[in-house]
C-alpha cells in the first residue's frame, strides 16, 4: 500500500475528511490552491479548508460530518495520511454502502475487515452507477412477484456479492 504525505496526497486519491470545527489556520498555511482552498500539514495528516468537496481536480474527497453540505460553504476537514487511497490502481480498497431507506448508495474506503465485498475504485464506480439506477427507478420492479422494496434489496445485495451480470441476477429472481 502506498504511503501518502504532503508531497503526493493530491495525486489521484480518494479520501474521507472528517469535519473539524474551530480550527484556526495559521497565517502562513502551507499551501493555498488556485481555487482558494487552504491546506495545513501535520505529521499525522492534513487540514483542508474549502468551499468545494467531492470531485477535486483528479481526486475524490468527501467531507464527513454535516448531513447536507452545500458547495460554496467553506468547511474545514482533517484526514490522516493513511486515510488516502489510490483511485487509479487495481487495488481493492473500497466498499459500496447502500441505504435502502433513503434509496441511496455511496463509495467508502474499506476501514475494517468486515465481510463487505471490496472493489477497486473503477469497479466500485461502475457498480455504484447501476445500483443507483436500480434504487431510483421503480419501473423494473413491476416484472417481479415481490414488492418493490424487497426485490430492490434482493437484486442489489446479489449484485454486490456476485460476479454475475445485473441482467443474469434479475433473470435468476424471475424464475
Protein backbone atom coordinates (compact mmCIF):
# COMPACT_ATOMS: atom_id res chain seq x y z
CA UNK A 1 0.00 0.00 0.00
CA UNK A 2 1.26 3.44 -0.92
CA UNK A 3 2.29 5.86 1.81
CA UNK A 4 0.85 9.35 1.44
CA UNK A 5 2.23 12.65 2.71
CA UNK A 6 2.19 16.36 1.81
CA UNK A 7 4.02 15.70 -1.48
CA UNK A 8 1.63 13.18 -3.02
CA UNK A 9 -1.79 13.11 -1.30
CA UNK A 10 -3.32 15.25 -4.06
CA UNK A 11 -2.48 12.85 -6.90
CA UNK A 12 -5.44 10.64 -7.91
CA UNK A 13 -6.67 9.81 -4.41
CA UNK A 14 -9.90 9.06 -2.59
CA UNK A 15 -10.30 10.34 0.96
CA UNK A 16 -12.98 10.93 3.56
CA UNK A 17 -12.11 14.05 5.55
CA UNK A 18 -13.68 14.45 8.99
CA UNK A 19 -15.26 17.84 9.52
CA UNK A 20 -13.39 19.94 12.08
CA UNK A 21 -14.90 22.92 13.81
CA UNK A 22 -12.91 25.74 15.37
CA UNK A 23 -9.58 25.08 13.67
CA UNK A 24 -7.75 28.33 13.00
CA UNK A 25 -5.40 28.10 10.07
CA UNK A 26 -2.08 29.78 10.72
CA UNK A 27 -1.50 32.87 8.60
CA UNK A 28 1.37 31.08 6.89
CA UNK A 29 -0.60 27.97 5.90
CA UNK A 30 1.43 25.50 3.93
CA UNK A 31 -0.48 25.79 0.67
CA UNK A 32 -3.25 27.82 -0.94
CA UNK A 33 -4.70 26.46 -4.18
CA UNK A 34 -5.83 28.46 -7.20
CA UNK A 35 -9.41 27.78 -6.02
CA UNK A 36 -8.57 29.36 -2.61
CA UNK A 37 -8.53 26.10 -0.64
CA UNK A 38 -6.16 26.22 2.33
CA UNK A 39 -4.00 23.28 3.39
CA UNK A 40 -2.09 22.84 6.61
CA UNK A 41 0.14 19.78 7.01
CA UNK A 42 0.96 17.99 10.25
CA UNK A 43 2.90 14.84 10.93
CA UNK A 44 -0.42 12.99 11.33
CA UNK A 45 -2.27 14.36 8.29
CA UNK A 46 -3.67 17.40 6.51
CA UNK A 47 -6.26 20.06 7.30
CA UNK A 48 -8.20 21.41 4.32
CA UNK A 49 -10.49 24.43 4.29
CA UNK A 50 -12.51 24.71 1.13
CA UNK A 51 -15.85 25.55 -0.40
CA UNK A 52 -15.81 22.55 -2.74
CA UNK A 53 -15.76 18.86 -1.88
CA UNK A 54 -16.45 15.71 -3.88
CA UNK A 55 -14.55 15.72 -7.12
CA UNK A 56 -11.48 17.88 -6.55
CA UNK A 57 -9.17 18.10 -9.58
CA UNK A 58 -8.15 14.45 -10.13
CA UNK A 59 -9.26 13.32 -6.65
CA UNK A 60 -12.47 12.29 -4.91
CA UNK A 61 -12.55 13.87 -1.46
CA UNK A 62 -15.62 13.72 0.77
CA UNK A 63 -16.35 15.71 3.88
CA UNK A 64 -17.93 13.66 6.66
CA UNK A 65 -19.85 15.43 9.37
CA UNK A 66 -22.71 17.64 8.33
CA UNK A 67 -25.59 15.89 6.63
CA UNK A 68 -26.18 18.26 3.72
CA UNK A 69 -23.01 20.11 2.89
CA UNK A 70 -23.52 22.53 0.04
CA UNK A 71 -20.80 23.73 -2.27
CA UNK A 72 -19.74 27.34 -1.76
CA UNK A 73 -19.88 26.84 2.02
CA UNK A 74 -16.34 26.89 3.45
CA UNK A 75 -15.77 23.83 5.62
CA UNK A 76 -12.63 22.59 7.31
CA UNK A 77 -11.79 18.90 7.31
CA UNK A 78 -8.93 16.77 8.56
CA UNK A 79 -7.62 13.49 7.18
CA UNK A 80 -4.79 11.34 8.42
CA UNK A 81 -2.21 10.27 5.85
CA UNK A 82 -3.43 6.68 5.99
CA UNK A 83 -6.96 7.81 5.00
CA UNK A 84 -5.87 8.40 1.39
CA UNK A 85 -6.31 5.63 -1.17
CA UNK A 86 -5.27 5.45 -4.84
CA UNK A 87 -8.12 5.64 -7.33
CA UNK A 88 -6.15 4.81 -10.44
CA UNK A 89 -4.96 1.35 -9.46
CA UNK A 90 -6.35 -2.13 -9.31
CA UNK A 91 -6.02 -2.26 -5.51
CA UNK A 92 -9.29 -3.23 -3.84
CA UNK A 93 -9.77 -0.58 -1.17
CA UNK A 94 -13.44 0.36 -1.49
CA UNK A 95 -16.87 -0.83 -0.40
CA UNK A 96 -20.30 0.26 -1.53
CA UNK A 97 -22.65 1.21 1.27
CA UNK A 98 -26.35 1.05 0.43
CA UNK A 99 -29.12 2.75 2.38
CA UNK A 100 -32.36 1.13 1.26
CA UNK A 101 -34.49 3.51 3.35
CA UNK A 102 -33.07 6.56 1.59
CA UNK A 103 -32.67 4.77 -1.78
CA UNK A 104 -29.04 5.86 -1.90
CA UNK A 105 -25.60 4.32 -2.18
CA UNK A 106 -22.06 5.64 -1.75
CA UNK A 107 -18.49 4.51 -2.14
CA UNK A 108 -16.45 4.42 1.04
CA UNK A 109 -12.94 3.38 1.86
CA UNK A 110 -12.55 -0.04 3.40
CA UNK A 111 -11.78 0.79 7.01
CA UNK A 112 -12.22 -2.53 8.73
CA UNK A 113 -12.07 -6.14 7.75
CA UNK A 114 -15.81 -6.74 7.69
CA UNK A 115 -17.47 -9.11 5.25
CA UNK A 116 -18.47 -6.44 2.74
CA UNK A 117 -17.23 -7.10 -0.79
CA UNK A 118 -14.32 -4.87 -1.78
CA UNK A 119 -13.61 -3.31 -5.15
CA UNK A 120 -11.09 -1.19 -6.96
CA UNK A 121 -12.25 2.41 -7.37
CA UNK A 122 -13.18 1.89 -11.02
CA UNK A 123 -15.16 -1.28 -10.22
CA UNK A 124 -16.92 0.49 -7.36
CA UNK A 125 -17.87 3.43 -9.60
CA UNK A 126 -19.30 1.11 -12.26
CA UNK A 127 -21.35 -0.87 -9.76
CA UNK A 128 -22.46 2.27 -7.93
CA UNK A 129 -23.91 3.73 -11.11
CA UNK A 130 -26.01 0.60 -11.73
CA UNK A 131 -27.09 0.35 -8.09
CA UNK A 132 -28.27 3.97 -8.05
CA UNK A 133 -30.30 3.32 -11.20
CA UNK A 134 -31.92 0.29 -9.53
CA UNK A 135 -32.73 2.24 -6.38
CA UNK A 136 -34.12 5.34 -8.05
CA UNK A 137 -36.27 3.66 -10.69
CA UNK A 138 -39.28 1.53 -9.75
CA UNK A 139 -40.47 0.60 -13.25
CA UNK A 140 -38.28 -2.52 -13.49
CA UNK A 141 -39.68 -3.94 -10.22
CA UNK A 142 -43.16 -4.44 -11.72
CA UNK A 143 -41.88 -7.54 -13.55
CA UNK A 144 -41.30 -9.41 -10.28
CA UNK A 145 -43.72 -11.02 -7.85
CA UNK A 146 -42.05 -9.50 -4.75
CA UNK A 147 -42.90 -5.99 -3.63
CA UNK A 148 -40.75 -3.13 -4.91
CA UNK A 149 -38.61 -2.63 -1.80
CA UNK A 150 -37.99 -6.33 -1.32
CA UNK A 151 -36.90 -7.03 -4.90
CA UNK A 152 -34.64 -3.95 -4.91
CA UNK A 153 -32.85 -5.19 -1.82
CA UNK A 154 -32.56 -8.75 -3.13
CA UNK A 155 -31.17 -7.68 -6.50
CA UNK A 156 -28.78 -5.07 -5.11
CA UNK A 157 -27.44 -7.47 -2.46
CA UNK A 158 -26.93 -10.18 -5.08
CA UNK A 159 -25.23 -7.70 -7.42
CA UNK A 160 -22.83 -6.60 -4.68
CA UNK A 161 -21.95 -10.14 -3.67
CA UNK A 162 -21.71 -11.81 -7.06
CA UNK A 163 -19.66 -11.71 -10.22
CA UNK A 164 -22.83 -12.27 -12.27
CA UNK A 165 -24.12 -9.55 -14.56
CA UNK A 166 -27.07 -7.49 -13.39
CA UNK A 167 -29.17 -8.95 -16.21
CA UNK A 168 -28.41 -12.51 -15.06
CA UNK A 169 -29.26 -11.66 -11.45
CA UNK A 170 -32.62 -10.24 -12.49
CA UNK A 171 -33.31 -13.37 -14.56
CA UNK A 172 -32.47 -15.57 -11.57
CA UNK A 173 -35.11 -13.79 -9.46
CA UNK A 174 -37.79 -14.17 -12.13
CA UNK A 175 -37.61 -17.98 -12.02
